[in-house]
Amino acid sequence: LGIYAVTLMGNVSIIVLIRSSPQLHTPMYL
């Protein structure tokens, strides 16, 4: 349950961070 919670928080955070940060709008981060 802890692993799943970390998985959701970590991956959703990565998606939100990339979408909201113009400097990460590159192919690698897409």
PDB file of all heavy atoms in Angstrom:
ATOM      1  N   LEU A   1       0.848  -1.194   0.000  1.00  0.00           N
ATOM      2  CA  LEU A   1       0.000   0.000   0.000  1.00  0.00           C
ATOM      3  C   LEU A   1       0.885   1.246   0.000  1.00  0.00           C
ATOM      4  O   LEU A   1       0.613   2.217  -0.708  1.00  0.00           O
ATOM      5  CB  LEU A   1      -0.927  -0.008   1.222  1.00  0.00           C
ATOM      6  CG  LEU A   1      -1.889   1.185   1.346  1.00  0.00           C
ATOM      7  CD1 LEU A   1      -2.855   1.229   0.145  1.00  0.00           C
ATOM      8  CD2 LEU A   1      -2.663   1.111   2.656  1.00  0.00           C
ATOM      9  N   GLY A   2       1.956   1.201   0.820  1.00  0.00           N
ATOM     10  CA  GLY A   2       2.912   2.313   0.853  1.00  0.00           C
ATOM     11  C   GLY A   2       3.605   2.498  -0.487  1.00  0.00           C
ATOM     12  O   GLY A   2       3.763   3.624  -0.975  1.00  0.00           O
ATOM     13  N   ILE A   3       4.016   1.383  -1.110  1.00  0.00           N
ATOM     14  CA  ILE A   3       4.676   1.441  -2.417  1.00  0.00           C
ATOM     15  C   ILE A   3       3.736   2.044  -3.458  1.00  0.00           C
ATOM     16  O   ILE A   3       4.135   2.883  -4.274  1.00  0.00           O
ATOM     17  CB  ILE A   3       5.137   0.037  -2.858  1.00  0.00           C
ATOM     18  CG1 ILE A   3       6.316  -0.423  -1.991  1.00  0.00           C
ATOM     19  CG2 ILE A   3       5.528   0.020  -4.337  1.00  0.00           C
ATOM     20  CD1 ILE A   3       6.768  -1.846  -2.271  1.00  0.00           C
ATOM     21  N   TYR A   4       2.474   1.623  -3.433  1.00  0.00           N
ATOM     22  CA  TYR A   4       1.500   2.122  -4.406  1.00  0.00           C
ATOM     23  C   TYR A   4       1.255   3.620  -4.215  1.00  0.00           C
ATOM     24  O   TYR A   4       1.145   4.378  -5.194  1.00  0.00           O
ATOM     25  CB  TYR A   4       0.192   1.341  -4.273  1.00  0.00           C
ATOM     26  CG  TYR A   4      -0.833   1.657  -5.341  1.00  0.00           C
ATOM     27  CD1 TYR A   4      -0.497   1.641  -6.692  1.00  0.00           C
ATOM     28  CD2 TYR A   4      -2.151   1.959  -4.988  1.00  0.00           C
ATOM     29  CE1 TYR A   4      -1.445   1.924  -7.667  1.00  0.00           C
ATOM     30  CE2 TYR A   4      -3.106   2.239  -5.960  1.00  0.00           C
ATOM     31  CZ  TYR A   4      -2.738   2.215  -7.292  1.00  0.00           C
ATOM     32  OH  TYR A   4      -3.667   2.499  -8.261  1.00  0.00           O
ATOM     33  N   ALA A   5       1.179   4.052  -2.956  1.00  0.00           N
ATOM     34  CA  ALA A   5       0.979   5.477  -2.671  1.00  0.00           C
ATOM     35  C   ALA A   5       2.157   6.303  -3.187  1.00  0.00           C
ATOM     36  O   ALA A   5       1.968   7.363  -3.804  1.00  0.00           O
ATOM     37  CB  ALA A   5       0.797   5.690  -1.170  1.00  0.00           C
ATOM     38  N   VAL A   6       3.382   5.815  -2.945  1.00  0.00           N
ATOM     39  CA  VAL A   6       4.582   6.504  -3.433  1.00  0.00           C
ATOM     40  C   VAL A   6       4.613   6.518  -4.963  1.00  0.00           C
ATOM     41  O   VAL A   6       4.988   7.515  -5.590  1.00  0.00           O
ATOM     42  CB  VAL A   6       5.857   5.831  -2.877  1.00  0.00           C
ATOM     43  CG1 VAL A   6       7.120   6.424  -3.518  1.00  0.00           C
ATOM     44  CG2 VAL A   6       5.929   5.982  -1.358  1.00  0.00           C
ATOM     45  N   THR A   7       4.191   5.406  -5.583  1.00  0.00           N
ATOM     46  CA  THR A   7       4.139   5.315  -7.049  1.00  0.00           C
ATOM     47  C   THR A   7       3.222   6.378  -7.625  1.00  0.00           C
ATOM     48  O   THR A   7       3.584   7.090  -8.575  1.00  0.00           O
ATOM     49  CB  THR A   7       3.643   3.917  -7.489  1.00  0.00           C
ATOM     50  OG1 THR A   7       4.544   2.924  -7.008  1.00  0.00           O
ATOM     51  CG2 THR A   7       3.552   3.829  -9.002  1.00  0.00           C
ATOM     52  N   LEU A   8       2.016   6.475  -7.064  1.00  0.00           N
ATOM     53  CA  LEU A   8       1.052   7.461  -7.564  1.00  0.00           C
ATOM     54  C   LEU A   8       1.553   8.886  -7.350  1.00  0.00           C
ATOM     55  O   LEU A   8       1.521   9.709  -8.274  1.00  0.00           O
ATOM     56  CB  LEU A   8      -0.300   7.270  -6.870  1.00  0.00           C
ATOM     57  CG  LEU A   8      -1.052   5.976  -7.180  1.00  0.00           C
ATOM     58  CD1 LEU A   8      -2.374   5.944  -6.414  1.00  0.00           C
ATOM     59  CD2 LEU A   8      -1.324   5.830  -8.672  1.00  0.00           C
ATOM     60  N   MET A   9       2.034   9.177  -6.138  1.00  0.00           N
ATOM     61  CA  MET A   9       2.498  10.534  -5.831  1.00  0.00           C
ATOM     62  C   MET A   9       3.711  10.906  -6.679  1.00  0.00           C
ATOM     63  O   MET A   9       3.783  12.008  -7.231  1.00  0.00           O
ATOM     64  CB  MET A   9       2.837  10.654  -4.339  1.00  0.00           C
ATOM     65  CG  MET A   9       1.630  10.675  -3.430  1.00  0.00           C
ATOM     66  SD  MET A   9       2.034  11.076  -1.714  1.00  0.00           S
ATOM     67  CE  MET A   9       3.006   9.642  -1.243  1.00  0.00           C
ATOM     68  N   GLY A  10       4.665   9.978  -6.807  1.00  0.00           N
ATOM     69  CA  GLY A  10       5.886  10.252  -7.560  1.00  0.00           C
ATOM     70  C   GLY A  10       5.622  10.497  -9.029  1.00  0.00           C
ATOM     71  O   GLY A  10       6.084  11.495  -9.609  1.00  0.00           O
ATOM     72  N   ASN A  11       4.850   9.618  -9.656  1.00  0.00           N
ATOM     73  CA  ASN A  11       4.612   9.736 -11.094  1.00  0.00           C
ATOM     74  C   ASN A  11       3.686  10.895 -11.433  1.00  0.00           C
ATOM     75  O   ASN A  11       3.907  11.596 -12.427  1.00  0.00           O
ATOM     76  CB  ASN A  11       4.051   8.421 -11.644  1.00  0.00           C
ATOM     77  CG  ASN A  11       5.113   7.352 -11.778  1.00  0.00           C
ATOM     78  OD1 ASN A  11       6.003   7.426 -12.611  1.00  0.00           O
ATOM     79  ND2 ASN A  11       5.031   6.329 -10.926  1.00  0.00           N
ATOM     80  N   VAL A  12       2.653  11.111 -10.621  1.00  0.00           N
ATOM     81  CA  VAL A  12       1.769  12.254 -10.853  1.00  0.00           C
ATOM     82  C   VAL A  12       2.537  13.560 -10.661  1.00  0.00           C
ATOM     83  O   VAL A  12       2.347  14.525 -11.421  1.00  0.00           O
ATOM     84  CB  VAL A  12       0.537  12.197  -9.927  1.00  0.00           C
ATOM     85  CG1 VAL A  12      -0.261  13.502 -10.003  1.00  0.00           C
ATOM     86  CG2 VAL A  12      -0.356  11.019 -10.297  1.00  0.00           C
ATOM     87  N   SER A  13       3.431  13.592  -9.684  1.00  0.00           N
ATOM     88  CA  SER A  13       4.263  14.787  -9.455  1.00  0.00           C
ATOM     89  C   SER A  13       5.152  15.072 -10.660  1.00  0.00           C
ATOM     90  O   SER A  13       5.320  16.231 -11.060  1.00  0.00           O
ATOM     91  CB  SER A  13       5.129  14.606  -8.206  1.00  0.00           C
ATOM     92  OG  SER A  13       4.335  14.476  -7.052  1.00  0.00           O
ATOM     93  N   ILE A  14       5.728  14.018 -11.244  1.00  0.00           N
ATOM     94  CA  ILE A  14       6.575  14.181 -12.431  1.00  0.00           C
ATOM     95  C   ILE A  14       5.752  14.766 -13.584  1.00  0.00           C
ATOM     96  O   ILE A  14       6.192  15.694 -14.280  1.00  0.00           O
ATOM     97  CB  ILE A  14       7.181  12.824 -12.861  1.00  0.00           C
ATOM     98  CG1 ILE A  14       8.279  12.381 -11.884  1.00  0.00           C
ATOM     99  CG2 ILE A  14       7.738  12.893 -14.284  1.00  0.00           C
ATOM    100  CD1 ILE A  14       9.574  13.162 -11.985  1.00  0.00           C
ATOM    101  N   ILE A  15       4.533  14.247 -13.785  1.00  0.00           N
ATOM    102  CA  ILE A  15       3.662  14.731 -14.873  1.00  0.00           C
ATOM    103  C   ILE A  15       3.305  16.200 -14.659  1.00  0.00           C
ATOM    104  O   ILE A  15       3.410  17.026 -15.581  1.00  0.00           O
ATOM    105  CB  ILE A  15       2.385  13.874 -14.961  1.00  0.00           C
ATOM    106  CG1 ILE A  15       2.737  12.438 -15.390  1.00  0.00           C
ATOM    107  CG2 ILE A  15       1.390  14.479 -15.946  1.00  0.00           C
ATOM    108  CD1 ILE A  15       1.589  11.455 -15.271  1.00  0.00           C
ATOM    109  N   VAL A  16       2.887  16.549 -13.434  1.00  0.00           N
ATOM    110  CA  VAL A  16       2.511  17.932 -13.115  1.00  0.00           C
ATOM    111  C   VAL A  16       3.702  18.857 -13.269  1.00  0.00           C
ATOM    112  O   VAL A  16       3.595  19.964 -13.837  1.00  0.00           O
ATOM    113  CB  VAL A  16       1.941  18.013 -11.684  1.00  0.00           C
ATOM    114  CG1 VAL A  16       1.750  19.474 -11.262  1.00  0.00           C
ATOM    115  CG2 VAL A  16       0.620  17.263 -11.587  1.00  0.00           C
ATOM    116  N   LEU A  17       4.872  18.432 -12.779  1.00  0.00           N
ATOM    117  CA  LEU A  17       6.084  19.250 -12.846  1.00  0.00           C
ATOM    118  C   LEU A  17       6.472  19.544 -14.291  1.00  0.00           C
ATOM    119  O   LEU A  17       6.781  20.687 -14.644  1.00  0.00           O
ATOM    120  CB  LEU A  17       7.235  18.536 -12.125  1.00  0.00           C
ATOM    121  CG  LEU A  17       8.575  19.270 -12.096  1.00  0.00           C
ATOM    122  CD1 LEU A  17       8.461  20.542 -11.258  1.00  0.00           C
ATOM    123  CD2 LEU A  17       9.663  18.359 -11.518  1.00  0.00           C
ATOM    124  N   ILE A  18       6.460  18.522 -15.132  1.00  0.00           N
ATOM    125  CA  ILE A  18       6.859  18.703 -16.537  1.00  0.00           C
ATOM    126  C   ILE A  18       5.863  19.593 -17.277  1.00  0.00           C
ATOM    127  O   ILE A  18       6.253  20.479 -18.048  1.00  0.00           O
ATOM    128  CB  ILE A  18       6.991  17.326 -17.235  1.00  0.00           C
ATOM    129  CG1 ILE A  18       8.203  16.560 -16.655  1.00  0.00           C
ATOM    130  CG2 ILE A  18       7.149  17.487 -18.742  1.00  0.00           C
ATOM    131  CD1 ILE A  18       8.324  15.136 -17.134  1.00  0.00           C
ATOM    132  N   ARG A  19       4.582  19.391 -17.034  1.00  0.00           N
ATOM    133  CA  ARG A  19       3.560  20.181 -17.738  1.00  0.00           C
ATOM    134  C   ARG A  19       3.549  21.643 -17.296  1.00  0.00           C
ATOM    135  O   ARG A  19       3.185  22.522 -18.077  1.00  0.00           O
ATOM    136  CB  ARG A  19       2.177  19.562 -17.522  1.00  0.00           C
ATOM    137  CG  ARG A  19       1.980  18.240 -18.247  1.00  0.00           C
ATOM    138  CD  ARG A  19       0.589  17.682 -18.001  1.00  0.00           C
ATOM    139  NE  ARG A  19      -0.436  18.535 -18.552  1.00  0.00           N
ATOM    140  CZ  ARG A  19      -0.874  18.497 -19.814  1.00  0.00           C
ATOM    141  NH1 ARG A  19      -0.344  17.626 -20.658  1.00  0.00           N
ATOM    142  NH2 ARG A  19      -1.826  19.307 -20.231  1.00  0.00           N
ATOM    143  N   SER A  20       3.958  21.906 -16.048  1.00  0.00           N
ATOM    144  CA  SER A  20       3.898  23.279 -15.525  1.00  0.00           C
ATOM    145  C   SER A  20       5.230  24.014 -15.586  1.00  0.00           C
ATOM    146  O   SER A  20       5.302  25.174 -15.190  1.00  0.00           O
ATOM    147  CB  SER A  20       3.408  23.251 -14.073  1.00  0.00           C
ATOM    148  OG  SER A  20       4.288  22.484 -13.264  1.00  0.00           O
ATOM    149  N   SER A  21       6.284  23.350 -16.111  1.00  0.00           N
ATOM    150  CA  SER A  21       7.609  23.971 -16.168  1.00  0.00           C
ATOM    151  C   SER A  21       8.051  24.127 -17.627  1.00  0.00           C
ATOM    152  O   SER A  21       8.399  23.137 -18.272  1.00  0.00           O
ATOM    153  CB  SER A  21       8.638  23.124 -15.404  1.00  0.00           C
ATOM    154  OG  SER A  21       8.237  22.929 -14.063  1.00  0.00           O
ATOM    155  N   PRO A  22       8.036  25.348 -18.168  1.00  0.00           N
ATOM    156  CA  PRO A  22       8.410  25.565 -19.571  1.00  0.00           C
ATOM    157  C   PRO A  22       9.806  25.054 -19.924  1.00  0.00           C
ATOM    158  O   PRO A  22      10.041  24.604 -21.043  1.00  0.00           O
ATOM    159  CB  PRO A  22       8.336  27.097 -19.716  1.00  0.00           C
ATOM    160  CG  PRO A  22       7.380  27.528 -18.649  1.00  0.00           C
ATOM    161  CD  PRO A  22       7.619  26.588 -17.500  1.00  0.00           C
ATOM    162  N   GLN A  23      10.746  25.124 -18.960  1.00  0.00           N
ATOM    163  CA  GLN A  23      12.118  24.683 -19.246  1.00  0.00           C
ATOM    164  C   GLN A  23      12.211  23.169 -19.448  1.00  0.00           C
ATOM    165  O   GLN A  23      13.221  22.671 -19.941  1.00  0.00           O
ATOM    166  CB  GLN A  23      13.079  25.119 -18.130  1.00  0.00           C
ATOM    167  CG  GLN A  23      12.875  24.449 -16.787  1.00  0.00           C
ATOM    168  CD  GLN A  23      11.946  25.238 -15.875  1.00  0.00           C
ATOM    169  OE1 GLN A  23      10.979  25.850 -16.340  1.00  0.00           O
ATOM    170  NE2 GLN A  23      12.242  25.243 -14.587  1.00  0.00           N
ATOM    171  N   LEU A  24      11.146  22.440 -19.078  1.00  0.00           N
ATOM    172  CA  LEU A  24      11.138  20.987 -19.256  1.00  0.00           C
ATOM    173  C   LEU A  24      10.309  20.561 -20.475  1.00  0.00           C
ATOM    174  O   LEU A  24      10.067  19.376 -20.662  1.00  0.00           O
ATOM    175  CB  LEU A  24      10.591  20.289 -17.997  1.00  0.00           C
ATOM    176  CG  LEU A  24      11.374  20.484 -16.701  1.00  0.00           C
ATOM    177  CD1 LEU A  24      10.736  19.681 -15.574  1.00  0.00           C
ATOM    178  CD2 LEU A  24      12.839  20.095 -16.868  1.00  0.00           C
ATOM    179  N   HIS A  25       9.904  21.528 -21.290  1.00  0.00           N
ATOM    180  CA  HIS A  25       9.123  21.200 -22.487  1.00  0.00           C
ATOM    181  C   HIS A  25      10.073  20.840 -23.630  1.00  0.00           C
ATOM    182  O   HIS A  25      10.190  21.552 -24.627  1.00  0.00           O
ATOM    183  CB  HIS A  25       8.209  22.368 -22.864  1.00  0.00           C
ATOM    184  CG  HIS A  25       7.105  22.584 -21.886  1.00  0.00           C
ATOM    185  ND1 HIS A  25       6.192  23.612 -21.979  1.00  0.00           N
ATOM    186  CD2 HIS A  25       6.751  21.886 -20.772  1.00  0.00           C
ATOM    187  CE1 HIS A  25       5.328  23.542 -20.973  1.00  0.00           C
ATOM    188  NE2 HIS A  25       5.659  22.506 -20.222  1.00  0.00           N
ATOM    189  N   THR A  26      10.770  19.730 -23.454  1.00  0.00           N
ATOM    190  CA  THR A  26      11.720  19.208 -24.434  1.00  0.00           C
ATOM    191  C   THR A  26      11.353  17.752 -24.739  1.00  0.00           C
ATOM    192  O   THR A  26      10.598  17.134 -23.977  1.00  0.00           O
ATOM    193  CB  THR A  26      13.157  19.277 -23.898  1.00  0.00           C
ATOM    194  OG1 THR A  26      13.260  18.447 -22.734  1.00  0.00           O
ATOM    195  CG2 THR A  26      13.548  20.713 -23.535  1.00  0.00           C
ATOM    196  N   PRO A  27      11.876  17.197 -25.833  1.00  0.00           N
ATOM    197  CA  PRO A  27      11.544  15.808 -26.180  1.00  0.00           C
ATOM    198  C   PRO A  27      11.803  14.805 -25.058  1.00  0.00           C
ATOM    199  O   PRO A  27      10.971  13.928 -24.802  1.00  0.00           O
ATOM    200  CB  PRO A  27      12.440  15.537 -27.395  1.00  0.00           C
ATOM    201  CG  PRO A  27      12.585  16.870 -28.044  1.00  0.00           C
ATOM    202  CD  PRO A  27      12.659  17.846 -26.917  1.00  0.00           C
ATOM    203  N   MET A  28      12.949  14.939 -24.390  1.00  0.00           N
ATOM    204  CA  MET A  28      13.284  13.981 -23.344  1.00  0.00           C
ATOM    205  C   MET A  28      12.229  13.961 -22.246  1.00  0.00           C
ATOM    206  O   MET A  28      11.811  12.896 -21.771  1.00  0.00           O
ATOM    207  CB  MET A  28      14.654  14.301 -22.736  1.00  0.00           C
ATOM    208  CG  MET A  28      15.084  13.314 -21.657  1.00  0.00           C
ATOM    209  SD  MET A  28      16.764  13.590 -21.054  1.00  0.00           S
ATOM    210  CE  MET A  28      16.532  15.031 -20.023  1.00  0.00           C
ATOM    211  N   TYR A  29      11.760  15.138 -21.852  1.00  0.00           N
ATOM    212  CA  TYR A  29      10.785  15.210 -20.766  1.00  0.00           C
ATOM    213  C   TYR A  29       9.366  14.906 -21.248  1.00  0.00           C
ATOM    214  O   TYR A  29       8.515  14.511 -20.447  1.00  0.00           O
ATOM    215  CB  TYR A  29      10.874  16.574 -20.079  1.00  0.00           C
ATOM    216  CG  TYR A  29      12.184  16.724 -19.345  1.00  0.00           C
ATOM    217  CD1 TYR A  29      13.181  17.558 -19.825  1.00  0.00           C
ATOM    218  CD2 TYR A  29      12.451  15.969 -18.205  1.00  0.00           C
ATOM    219  CE1 TYR A  29      14.401  17.668 -19.179  1.00  0.00           C
ATOM    220  CE2 TYR A  29      13.672  16.072 -17.549  1.00  0.00           C
ATOM    221  CZ  TYR A  29      14.641  16.914 -18.037  1.00  0.00           C
ATOM    222  OH  TYR A  29      15.852  16.999 -17.397  1.00  0.00           O
ATOM    223  N   LEU A  30       9.123  15.069 -22.550  1.00  0.00           N
ATOM    224  CA  LEU A  30       7.843  14.602 -23.099  1.00  0.00           C
ATOM    225  C   LEU A  30       7.755  13.086 -22.945  1.00  0.00           C
ATOM    226  O   LEU A  30       6.735  12.552 -22.488  1.00  0.00           O
ATOM    227  CB  LEU A  30       7.733  14.985 -24.577  1.00  0.00           C
ATOM    228  CG  LEU A  30       6.538  14.363 -25.329  1.00  0.00           C
ATOM    229  CD1 LEU A  30       5.217  14.944 -24.830  1.00  0.00           C
ATOM    230  CD2 LEU A  30       6.681  14.576 -26.836  1.00  0.00           C
TER     231      LEU A  30
END
